[in-house]
Amino acid sequence: FGLVELRWSKDDQRARVAELLDLVGLSGLQDRRVQQLSGGQQQ
């Protein structure tokens, strides 16, 4: 969301999101709705 506001390119957005989801242990969940996540995953 913040990257869209900063006008990052779509490729850069995808790369940064993938990097961060890997960092916080959520790789593979990029398509999930947040309502489908546990409290720890939402955090």
All heavy atoms as atom14 arrays in JSON, in Angstrom:
{
  "sequence": "FGLVELRWSKDDQRARVAELLDLVGLSGLQDRRVQQLSGGQQQ",
  "atom14_mask": [
    [1, 1, 1, 1, 1, 1, 1, 1, 1, 1, 1, 0, 0, 0],
    [1, 1, 1, 1, 0, 0, 0, 0, 0, 0, 0, 0, 0, 0],
    [1, 1, 1, 1, 1, 1, 1, 1, 0, 0, 0, 0, 0, 0],
    [1, 1, 1, 1, 1, 1, 1, 0, 0, 0, 0, 0, 0, 0],
    [1, 1, 1, 1, 1, 1, 1, 1, 1, 0, 0, 0, 0, 0],
    [1, 1, 1, 1, 1, 1, 1, 1, 0, 0, 0, 0, 0, 0],
    [1, 1, 1, 1, 1, 1, 1, 1, 1, 1, 1, 0, 0, 0],
    [1, 1, 1, 1, 1, 1, 1, 1, 1, 1, 1, 1, 1, 1],
    [1, 1, 1, 1, 1, 1, 0, 0, 0, 0, 0, 0, 0, 0],
    [1, 1, 1, 1, 1, 1, 1, 1, 1, 0, 0, 0, 0, 0],
    [1, 1, 1, 1, 1, 1, 1, 1, 0, 0, 0, 0, 0, 0],
    [1, 1, 1, 1, 1, 1, 1, 1, 0, 0, 0, 0, 0, 0],
    [1, 1, 1, 1, 1, 1, 1, 1, 1, 0, 0, 0, 0, 0],
    [1, 1, 1, 1, 1, 1, 1, 1, 1, 1, 1, 0, 0, 0],
    [1, 1, 1, 1, 1, 0, 0, 0, 0, 0, 0, 0, 0, 0],
    [1, 1, 1, 1, 1, 1, 1, 1, 1, 1, 1, 0, 0, 0],
    [1, 1, 1, 1, 1, 1, 1, 0, 0, 0, 0, 0, 0, 0],
    [1, 1, 1, 1, 1, 0, 0, 0, 0, 0, 0, 0, 0, 0],
    [1, 1, 1, 1, 1, 1, 1, 1, 1, 0, 0, 0, 0, 0],
    [1, 1, 1, 1, 1, 1, 1, 1, 0, 0, 0, 0, 0, 0],
    [1, 1, 1, 1, 1, 1, 1, 1, 0, 0, 0, 0, 0, 0],
    [1, 1, 1, 1, 1, 1, 1, 1, 0, 0, 0, 0, 0, 0],
    [1, 1, 1, 1, 1, 1, 1, 1, 0, 0, 0, 0, 0, 0],
    [1, 1, 1, 1, 1, 1, 1, 0, 0, 0, 0, 0, 0, 0],
    [1, 1, 1, 1, 0, 0, 0, 0, 0, 0, 0, 0, 0, 0],
    [1, 1, 1, 1, 1, 1, 1, 1, 0, 0, 0, 0, 0, 0],
    [1, 1, 1, 1, 1, 1, 0, 0, 0, 0, 0, 0, 0, 0],
    [1, 1, 1, 1, 0, 0, 0, 0, 0, 0, 0, 0, 0, 0],
    [1, 1, 1, 1, 1, 1, 1, 1, 0, 0, 0, 0, 0, 0],
    [1, 1, 1, 1, 1, 1, 1, 1, 1, 0, 0, 0, 0, 0],
    [1, 1, 1, 1, 1, 1, 1, 1, 0, 0, 0, 0, 0, 0],
    [1, 1, 1, 1, 1, 1, 1, 1, 1, 1, 1, 0, 0, 0],
    [1, 1, 1, 1, 1, 1, 1, 1, 1, 1, 1, 0, 0, 0],
    [1, 1, 1, 1, 1, 1, 1, 0, 0, 0, 0, 0, 0, 0],
    [1, 1, 1, 1, 1, 1, 1, 1, 1, 0, 0, 0, 0, 0],
    [1, 1, 1, 1, 1, 1, 1, 1, 1, 0, 0, 0, 0, 0],
    [1, 1, 1, 1, 1, 1, 1, 1, 0, 0, 0, 0, 0, 0],
    [1, 1, 1, 1, 1, 1, 0, 0, 0, 0, 0, 0, 0, 0],
    [1, 1, 1, 1, 0, 0, 0, 0, 0, 0, 0, 0, 0, 0],
    [1, 1, 1, 1, 0, 0, 0, 0, 0, 0, 0, 0, 0, 0],
    [1, 1, 1, 1, 1, 1, 1, 1, 1, 0, 0, 0, 0, 0],
    [1, 1, 1, 1, 1, 1, 1, 1, 1, 0, 0, 0, 0, 0],
    [1, 1, 1, 1, 1, 1, 1, 1, 1, 0, 0, 0, 0, 0]
  ],
  "atom14_positions": [
    [[0.82, -1.21, 0.0], [0.0, 0.0, 0.0], [0.85, 1.27, 0.0], [0.63, 2.19, -0.8], [-0.93, 0.0, 1.21], [-1.85, 1.19, 1.25], [-3.01, 1.22, 0.5], [-1.53, 2.31, 2.03], [-3.85, 2.33, 0.52], [-2.36, 3.42, 2.06], [-3.53, 3.43, 1.31], [0.0, 0.0, 0.0], [0.0, 0.0, 0.0], [0.0, 0.0, 0.0]],
    [[1.84, 1.35, 0.87], [2.68, 2.55, 0.93], [3.53, 2.72, -0.32], [3.85, 3.86, -0.7], [0.0, 0.0, 0.0], [0.0, 0.0, 0.0], [0.0, 0.0, 0.0], [0.0, 0.0, 0.0], [0.0, 0.0, 0.0], [0.0, 0.0, 0.0], [0.0, 0.0, 0.0], [0.0, 0.0, 0.0], [0.0, 0.0, 0.0], [0.0, 0.0, 0.0]],
    [[3.88, 1.62, -0.95], [4.7, 1.7, -2.17], [3.89, 2.25, -3.34], [4.42, 2.95, -4.2], [5.24, 0.31, -2.51], [6.0, -0.4, -1.38], [6.53, -1.74, -1.85], [7.14, 0.49, -0.88], [0.0, 0.0, 0.0], [0.0, 0.0, 0.0], [0.0, 0.0, 0.0], [0.0, 0.0, 0.0], [0.0, 0.0, 0.0], [0.0, 0.0, 0.0]],
    [[2.6, 1.92, -3.37], [1.71, 2.51, -4.39], [1.64, 4.01, -4.21], [1.72, 4.78, -5.19], [0.3, 1.87, -4.31], [-0.65, 2.58, -5.27], [0.36, 0.39, -4.61], [0.0, 0.0, 0.0], [0.0, 0.0, 0.0], [0.0, 0.0, 0.0], [0.0, 0.0, 0.0], [0.0, 0.0, 0.0], [0.0, 0.0, 0.0], [0.0, 0.0, 0.0]],
    [[1.49, 4.44, -2.95], [1.42, 5.87, -2.67], [2.71, 6.58, -3.09], [2.68, 7.74, -3.51], [1.17, 6.1, -1.17], [-0.17, 5.58, -0.67], [-1.33, 6.36, -1.24], [-1.33, 7.6, -1.11], [-2.22, 5.74, -1.86], [0.0, 0.0, 0.0], [0.0, 0.0, 0.0], [0.0, 0.0, 0.0], [0.0, 0.0, 0.0], [0.0, 0.0, 0.0]],
    [[3.84, 5.87, -2.98], [5.13, 6.45, -3.35], [5.46, 6.27, -4.83], [6.54, 6.64, -5.28], [6.24, 5.81, -2.5], [6.21, 6.14, -1.0], [7.24, 5.31, -0.26], [6.46, 7.63, -0.77], [0.0, 0.0, 0.0], [0.0, 0.0, 0.0], [0.0, 0.0, 0.0], [0.0, 0.0, 0.0], [0.0, 0.0, 0.0], [0.0, 0.0, 0.0]],
    [[4.52, 5.65, -5.56], [4.64, 5.48, -7.02], [5.81, 4.57, -7.41], [6.49, 4.82, -8.42], [4.76, 6.84, -7.73], [3.55, 7.73, -7.5], [3.78, 9.12, -8.08], [2.68, 9.99, -7.75], [1.7, 10.32, -8.58], [1.67, 9.84, -9.79], [0.74, 11.13, -8.19], [0.0, 0.0, 0.0], [0.0, 0.0, 0.0], [0.0, 0.0, 0.0]],
    [[6.03, 3.54, -6.63], [7.0, 2.53, -7.04], [6.42, 1.79, -8.25], [5.22, 1.63, -8.39], [7.23, 1.52, -5.92], [8.11, 2.0, -4.8], [8.16, 3.25, -4.25], [9.05, 1.21, -4.07], [9.07, 3.3, -3.23], [9.63, 2.06, -3.1], [9.46, -0.12, -4.14], [10.6, 1.6, -2.19], [10.42, -0.57, -3.24], [11.0, 0.28, -2.29]],
    [[7.32, 1.28, -9.11], [6.86, 0.48, -10.25], [6.29, -0.84, -9.76], [6.62, -1.31, -8.66], [8.03, 0.21, -11.21], [8.92, -0.72, -10.63], [0.0, 0.0, 0.0], [0.0, 0.0, 0.0], [0.0, 0.0, 0.0], [0.0, 0.0, 0.0], [0.0, 0.0, 0.0], [0.0, 0.0, 0.0], [0.0, 0.0, 0.0], [0.0, 0.0, 0.0]],
    [[5.45, -1.47, -10.57], [4.82, -2.73, -10.18], [5.86, -3.82, -9.95], [5.73, -4.64, -9.03], [3.79, -3.16, -11.23], [2.59, -2.24, -11.32], [1.36, -3.04, -11.64], [0.13, -2.12, -11.68], [-0.44, -1.99, -10.36], [0.0, 0.0, 0.0], [0.0, 0.0, 0.0], [0.0, 0.0, 0.0], [0.0, 0.0, 0.0], [0.0, 0.0, 0.0]],
    [[6.9, -3.85, -10.77], [7.95, -4.86, -10.58], [8.67, -4.66, -9.26], [8.95, -5.62, -8.54], [8.95, -4.81, -11.74], [8.38, -5.38, -13.03], [7.34, -6.1, -12.96], [8.95, -5.12, -14.11], [0.0, 0.0, 0.0], [0.0, 0.0, 0.0], [0.0, 0.0, 0.0], [0.0, 0.0, 0.0], [0.0, 0.0, 0.0], [0.0, 0.0, 0.0]],
    [[8.99, -3.39, -8.95], [9.66, -3.1, -7.68], [8.76, -3.42, -6.5], [9.22, -3.89, -5.45], [10.09, -1.64, -7.64], [11.28, -1.35, -8.56], [11.95, -2.33, -8.96], [11.52, -0.17, -8.87], [0.0, 0.0, 0.0], [0.0, 0.0, 0.0], [0.0, 0.0, 0.0], [0.0, 0.0, 0.0], [0.0, 0.0, 0.0], [0.0, 0.0, 0.0]],
    [[7.46, -3.14, -6.64], [6.52, -3.47, -5.58], [6.52, -4.98, -5.31], [6.61, -5.41, -4.16], [5.1, -3.02, -5.95], [4.87, -1.52, -5.93], [3.44, -1.2, -6.34], [2.5, -1.9, -5.98], [3.27, -0.13, -7.11], [0.0, 0.0, 0.0], [0.0, 0.0, 0.0], [0.0, 0.0, 0.0], [0.0, 0.0, 0.0], [0.0, 0.0, 0.0]],
    [[6.39, -5.76, -6.38], [6.33, -7.21, -6.21], [7.62, -7.75, -5.57], [7.58, -8.62, -4.7], [6.08, -7.89, -7.57], [4.61, -7.86, -7.99], [4.37, -8.79, -9.17], [5.02, -8.28, -10.37], [4.43, -7.49, -11.26], [3.18, -7.1, -11.07], [5.07, -7.07, -12.33], [0.0, 0.0, 0.0], [0.0, 0.0, 0.0], [0.0, 0.0, 0.0]],
    [[8.75, -7.21, -6.01], [10.03, -7.67, -5.45], [10.14, -7.32, -3.97], [10.59, -8.14, -3.15], [11.19, -7.06, -6.24], [0.0, 0.0, 0.0], [0.0, 0.0, 0.0], [0.0, 0.0, 0.0], [0.0, 0.0, 0.0], [0.0, 0.0, 0.0], [0.0, 0.0, 0.0], [0.0, 0.0, 0.0], [0.0, 0.0, 0.0], [0.0, 0.0, 0.0]],
    [[9.72, -6.11, -3.61], [9.82, -5.69, -2.21], [8.84, -6.47, -1.34], [9.19, -6.88, -0.22], [9.53, -4.18, -2.11], [9.61, -3.6, -0.71], [10.97, -3.73, -0.1], [11.07, -3.01, 1.18], [11.99, -3.26, 2.12], [12.9, -4.2, 1.91], [12.0, -2.57, 3.24], [0.0, 0.0, 0.0], [0.0, 0.0, 0.0], [0.0, 0.0, 0.0]],
    [[7.64, -6.71, -1.82], [6.66, -7.48, -1.05], [7.17, -8.9, -0.84], [7.08, -9.44, 0.28], [5.29, -7.49, -1.77], [4.36, -8.5, -1.1], [4.67, -6.1, -1.73], [0.0, 0.0, 0.0], [0.0, 0.0, 0.0], [0.0, 0.0, 0.0], [0.0, 0.0, 0.0], [0.0, 0.0, 0.0], [0.0, 0.0, 0.0], [0.0, 0.0, 0.0]],
    [[7.7, -9.53, -1.88], [8.23, -10.89, -1.74], [9.36, -10.94, -0.72], [9.45, -11.86, 0.09], [8.7, -11.4, -3.1], [0.0, 0.0, 0.0], [0.0, 0.0, 0.0], [0.0, 0.0, 0.0], [0.0, 0.0, 0.0], [0.0, 0.0, 0.0], [0.0, 0.0, 0.0], [0.0, 0.0, 0.0], [0.0, 0.0, 0.0], [0.0, 0.0, 0.0]],
    [[10.24, -9.93, -0.78], [11.35, -9.86, 0.17], [10.85, -9.77, 1.61], [11.35, -10.47, 2.5], [12.22, -8.64, -0.17], [13.34, -8.37, 0.82], [14.0, -7.02, 0.57], [13.63, -6.32, -0.41], [14.88, -6.65, 1.37], [0.0, 0.0, 0.0], [0.0, 0.0, 0.0], [0.0, 0.0, 0.0], [0.0, 0.0, 0.0], [0.0, 0.0, 0.0]],
    [[9.84, -8.94, 1.85], [9.34, -8.73, 3.2], [8.52, -9.91, 3.7], [8.61, -10.27, 4.88], [8.52, -7.44, 3.26], [9.34, -6.17, 3.16], [8.44, -4.97, 2.9], [10.14, -5.95, 4.44], [0.0, 0.0, 0.0], [0.0, 0.0, 0.0], [0.0, 0.0, 0.0], [0.0, 0.0, 0.0], [0.0, 0.0, 0.0], [0.0, 0.0, 0.0]],
    [[7.73, -10.52, 2.83], [6.96, -11.69, 3.26], [7.9, -12.83, 3.63], [7.62, -13.59, 4.57], [5.98, -12.12, 2.17], [4.82, -11.16, 1.91], [3.89, -11.73, 0.85], [4.04, -10.86, 3.19], [0.0, 0.0, 0.0], [0.0, 0.0, 0.0], [0.0, 0.0, 0.0], [0.0, 0.0, 0.0], [0.0, 0.0, 0.0], [0.0, 0.0, 0.0]],
    [[8.99, -12.94, 2.94], [10.0, -13.94, 3.31], [10.63, -13.57, 4.66], [10.84, -14.44, 5.51], [11.07, -14.03, 2.22], [12.14, -15.06, 2.56], [11.8, -16.24, 2.71], [13.31, -14.67, 2.7], [0.0, 0.0, 0.0], [0.0, 0.0, 0.0], [0.0, 0.0, 0.0], [0.0, 0.0, 0.0], [0.0, 0.0, 0.0], [0.0, 0.0, 0.0]],
    [[10.89, -12.29, 4.85], [11.51, -11.83, 6.1], [10.64, -12.13, 7.31], [11.14, -12.54, 8.37], [11.78, -10.32, 6.0], [12.46, -9.66, 7.2], [13.9, -10.11, 7.32], [12.39, -8.15, 7.08], [0.0, 0.0, 0.0], [0.0, 0.0, 0.0], [0.0, 0.0, 0.0], [0.0, 0.0, 0.0], [0.0, 0.0, 0.0], [0.0, 0.0, 0.0]],
    [[9.32, -11.94, 7.18], [8.43, -12.13, 8.33], [7.77, -13.51, 8.34], [6.87, -13.78, 9.14], [7.34, -11.03, 8.37], [7.96, -9.66, 8.49], [6.42, -11.11, 7.14], [0.0, 0.0, 0.0], [0.0, 0.0, 0.0], [0.0, 0.0, 0.0], [0.0, 0.0, 0.0], [0.0, 0.0, 0.0], [0.0, 0.0, 0.0], [0.0, 0.0, 0.0]],
    [[8.23, -14.42, 7.47], [7.74, -15.79, 7.5], [6.37, -16.01, 6.91], [5.65, -16.91, 7.35], [0.0, 0.0, 0.0], [0.0, 0.0, 0.0], [0.0, 0.0, 0.0], [0.0, 0.0, 0.0], [0.0, 0.0, 0.0], [0.0, 0.0, 0.0], [0.0, 0.0, 0.0], [0.0, 0.0, 0.0], [0.0, 0.0, 0.0], [0.0, 0.0, 0.0]],
    [[6.0, -15.23, 5.89], [4.68, -15.36, 5.27], [4.78, -15.64, 3.76], [3.83, -15.38, 3.02], [3.84, -14.1, 5.51], [3.44, -13.81, 6.95], [2.64, -12.51, 7.02], [2.64, -14.96, 7.55], [0.0, 0.0, 0.0], [0.0, 0.0, 0.0], [0.0, 0.0, 0.0], [0.0, 0.0, 0.0], [0.0, 0.0, 0.0], [0.0, 0.0, 0.0]],
    [[5.89, -16.16, 3.32], [6.03, -16.47, 1.89], [4.93, -17.43, 1.45], [4.59, -18.38, 2.16], [7.4, -17.11, 1.62], [8.43, -16.18, 1.83], [0.0, 0.0, 0.0], [0.0, 0.0, 0.0], [0.0, 0.0, 0.0], [0.0, 0.0, 0.0], [0.0, 0.0, 0.0], [0.0, 0.0, 0.0], [0.0, 0.0, 0.0], [0.0, 0.0, 0.0]],
    [[4.36, -17.15, 0.29], [3.31, -18.0, -0.24], [1.9, -17.58, 0.15], [0.93, -18.15, -0.34], [0.0, 0.0, 0.0], [0.0, 0.0, 0.0], [0.0, 0.0, 0.0], [0.0, 0.0, 0.0], [0.0, 0.0, 0.0], [0.0, 0.0, 0.0], [0.0, 0.0, 0.0], [0.0, 0.0, 0.0], [0.0, 0.0, 0.0], [0.0, 0.0, 0.0]],
    [[1.79, -16.57, 1.02], [0.46, -16.14, 1.48], [0.04, -14.81, 0.87], [-0.9, -14.18, 1.34], [0.44, -16.04, 3.01], [0.73, -17.31, 3.8], [0.56, -17.06, 5.3], [-0.17, -18.45, 3.35], [0.0, 0.0, 0.0], [0.0, 0.0, 0.0], [0.0, 0.0, 0.0], [0.0, 0.0, 0.0], [0.0, 0.0, 0.0], [0.0, 0.0, 0.0]],
    [[0.71, -14.38, -0.19], [0.45, -13.05, -0.73], [-0.98, -12.88, -1.24], [-1.51, -11.76, -1.27], [1.46, -12.7, -1.83], [1.4, -13.61, -3.04], [2.31, -14.81, -2.88], [2.82, -15.08, -1.79], [2.53, -15.53, -3.99], [0.0, 0.0, 0.0], [0.0, 0.0, 0.0], [0.0, 0.0, 0.0], [0.0, 0.0, 0.0], [0.0, 0.0, 0.0]],
    [[-1.64, -13.97, -1.64], [-2.99, -13.86, -2.19], [-4.09, -14.04, -1.14], [-5.28, -13.92, -1.48], [-3.18, -14.91, -3.29], [-2.28, -14.65, -4.5], [-2.04, -13.46, -4.79], [-1.81, -15.63, -5.11], [0.0, 0.0, 0.0], [0.0, 0.0, 0.0], [0.0, 0.0, 0.0], [0.0, 0.0, 0.0], [0.0, 0.0, 0.0], [0.0, 0.0, 0.0]],
    [[-3.72, -14.3, 0.1], [-4.72, -14.51, 1.15], [-5.39, -13.19, 1.54], [-4.77, -12.13, 1.56], [-4.06, -15.08, 2.4], [-3.6, -16.5, 2.27], [-4.65, -17.49, 2.66], [-4.12, -18.84, 2.62], [-3.63, -19.47, 3.67], [-3.62, -18.87, 4.85], [-3.17, -20.69, 3.56], [0.0, 0.0, 0.0], [0.0, 0.0, 0.0], [0.0, 0.0, 0.0]],
    [[-6.67, -13.27, 1.86], [-7.36, -12.14, 2.49], [-6.92, -12.06, 3.94], [-6.67, -13.08, 4.59], [-8.87, -12.34, 2.42], [-9.44, -12.28, 1.03], [-9.6, -10.85, 0.59], [-10.18, -10.74, -0.74], [-10.51, -9.59, -1.3], [-10.32, -8.47, -0.66], [-11.02, -9.56, -2.52], [0.0, 0.0, 0.0], [0.0, 0.0, 0.0], [0.0, 0.0, 0.0]],
    [[-6.85, -10.86, 4.48], [-6.36, -10.73, 5.85], [-7.3, -11.38, 6.85], [-6.88, -11.81, 7.92], [-6.11, -9.24, 6.21], [-4.97, -8.68, 5.38], [-7.37, -8.41, 6.06], [0.0, 0.0, 0.0], [0.0, 0.0, 0.0], [0.0, 0.0, 0.0], [0.0, 0.0, 0.0], [0.0, 0.0, 0.0], [0.0, 0.0, 0.0], [0.0, 0.0, 0.0]],
    [[-8.6, -11.48, 6.5], [-9.55, -12.13, 7.41], [-9.27, -13.62, 7.55], [-9.73, -14.26, 8.49], [-11.0, -11.94, 6.93], [-11.44, -10.5, 6.84], [-11.32, -9.98, 5.41], [-10.36, -10.3, 4.71], [-12.3, -9.2, 4.98], [0.0, 0.0, 0.0], [0.0, 0.0, 0.0], [0.0, 0.0, 0.0], [0.0, 0.0, 0.0], [0.0, 0.0, 0.0]],
    [[-8.52, -14.18, 6.61], [-8.2, -15.61, 6.65], [-6.93, -15.89, 7.46], [-6.55, -17.04, 7.61], [-8.01, -16.14, 5.22], [-9.24, -16.04, 4.34], [-8.94, -16.45, 2.91], [-8.12, -15.85, 2.22], [-9.61, -17.52, 2.47], [0.0, 0.0, 0.0], [0.0, 0.0, 0.0], [0.0, 0.0, 0.0], [0.0, 0.0, 0.0], [0.0, 0.0, 0.0]],
    [[-6.31, -14.86, 7.99], [-5.05, -15.02, 8.72], [-5.29, -15.07, 10.22], [-6.26, -14.51, 10.73], [-4.1, -13.86, 8.4], [-3.76, -13.62, 6.94], [-2.85, -12.4, 6.82], [-3.1, -14.86, 6.33], [0.0, 0.0, 0.0], [0.0, 0.0, 0.0], [0.0, 0.0, 0.0], [0.0, 0.0, 0.0], [0.0, 0.0, 0.0], [0.0, 0.0, 0.0]],
    [[-4.39, -15.73, 10.93], [-4.42, -15.71, 12.39], [-3.96, -14.36, 12.9], [-3.43, -13.53, 12.14], [-3.5, -16.8, 12.94], [-2.14, -16.48, 12.66], [0.0, 0.0, 0.0], [0.0, 0.0, 0.0], [0.0, 0.0, 0.0], [0.0, 0.0, 0.0], [0.0, 0.0, 0.0], [0.0, 0.0, 0.0], [0.0, 0.0, 0.0], [0.0, 0.0, 0.0]],
    [[-4.15, -14.13, 14.19], [-3.72, -12.86, 14.77], [-2.22, -12.63, 14.62], [-1.77, -11.53, 14.31], [0.0, 0.0, 0.0], [0.0, 0.0, 0.0], [0.0, 0.0, 0.0], [0.0, 0.0, 0.0], [0.0, 0.0, 0.0], [0.0, 0.0, 0.0], [0.0, 0.0, 0.0], [0.0, 0.0, 0.0], [0.0, 0.0, 0.0], [0.0, 0.0, 0.0]],
    [[-1.43, -13.69, 14.8], [0.01, -13.55, 14.63], [0.4, -13.25, 13.2], [1.31, -12.45, 12.95], [0.0, 0.0, 0.0], [0.0, 0.0, 0.0], [0.0, 0.0, 0.0], [0.0, 0.0, 0.0], [0.0, 0.0, 0.0], [0.0, 0.0, 0.0], [0.0, 0.0, 0.0], [0.0, 0.0, 0.0], [0.0, 0.0, 0.0], [0.0, 0.0, 0.0]],
    [[-0.29, -13.86, 12.25], [-0.01, -13.57, 10.84], [-0.41, -12.15, 10.46], [0.31, -11.48, 9.71], [-0.74, -14.59, 9.96], [-0.17, -15.99, 10.04], [-1.04, -17.01, 9.32], [-2.27, -16.89, 9.28], [-0.41, -18.02, 8.73], [0.0, 0.0, 0.0], [0.0, 0.0, 0.0], [0.0, 0.0, 0.0], [0.0, 0.0, 0.0], [0.0, 0.0, 0.0]],
    [[-1.53, -11.67, 10.99], [-1.93, -10.29, 10.73], [-0.9, -9.32, 11.29], [-0.59, -8.3, 10.67], [-3.3, -10.03, 11.34], [-4.44, -10.74, 10.63], [-5.79, -10.38, 11.21], [-5.98, -9.29, 11.76], [-6.75, -11.28, 11.09], [0.0, 0.0, 0.0], [0.0, 0.0, 0.0], [0.0, 0.0, 0.0], [0.0, 0.0, 0.0], [0.0, 0.0, 0.0]],
    [[-0.36, -9.64, 12.46], [0.67, -8.77, 13.05], [1.89, -8.71, 12.13], [2.49, -7.65, 11.94], [1.04, -9.31, 14.43], [1.9, -8.36, 15.25], [3.38, -8.64, 15.09], [3.79, -9.6, 14.46], [4.19, -7.76, 15.63], [0.0, 0.0, 0.0], [0.0, 0.0, 0.0], [0.0, 0.0, 0.0], [0.0, 0.0, 0.0], [0.0, 0.0, 0.0]]
  ]
}
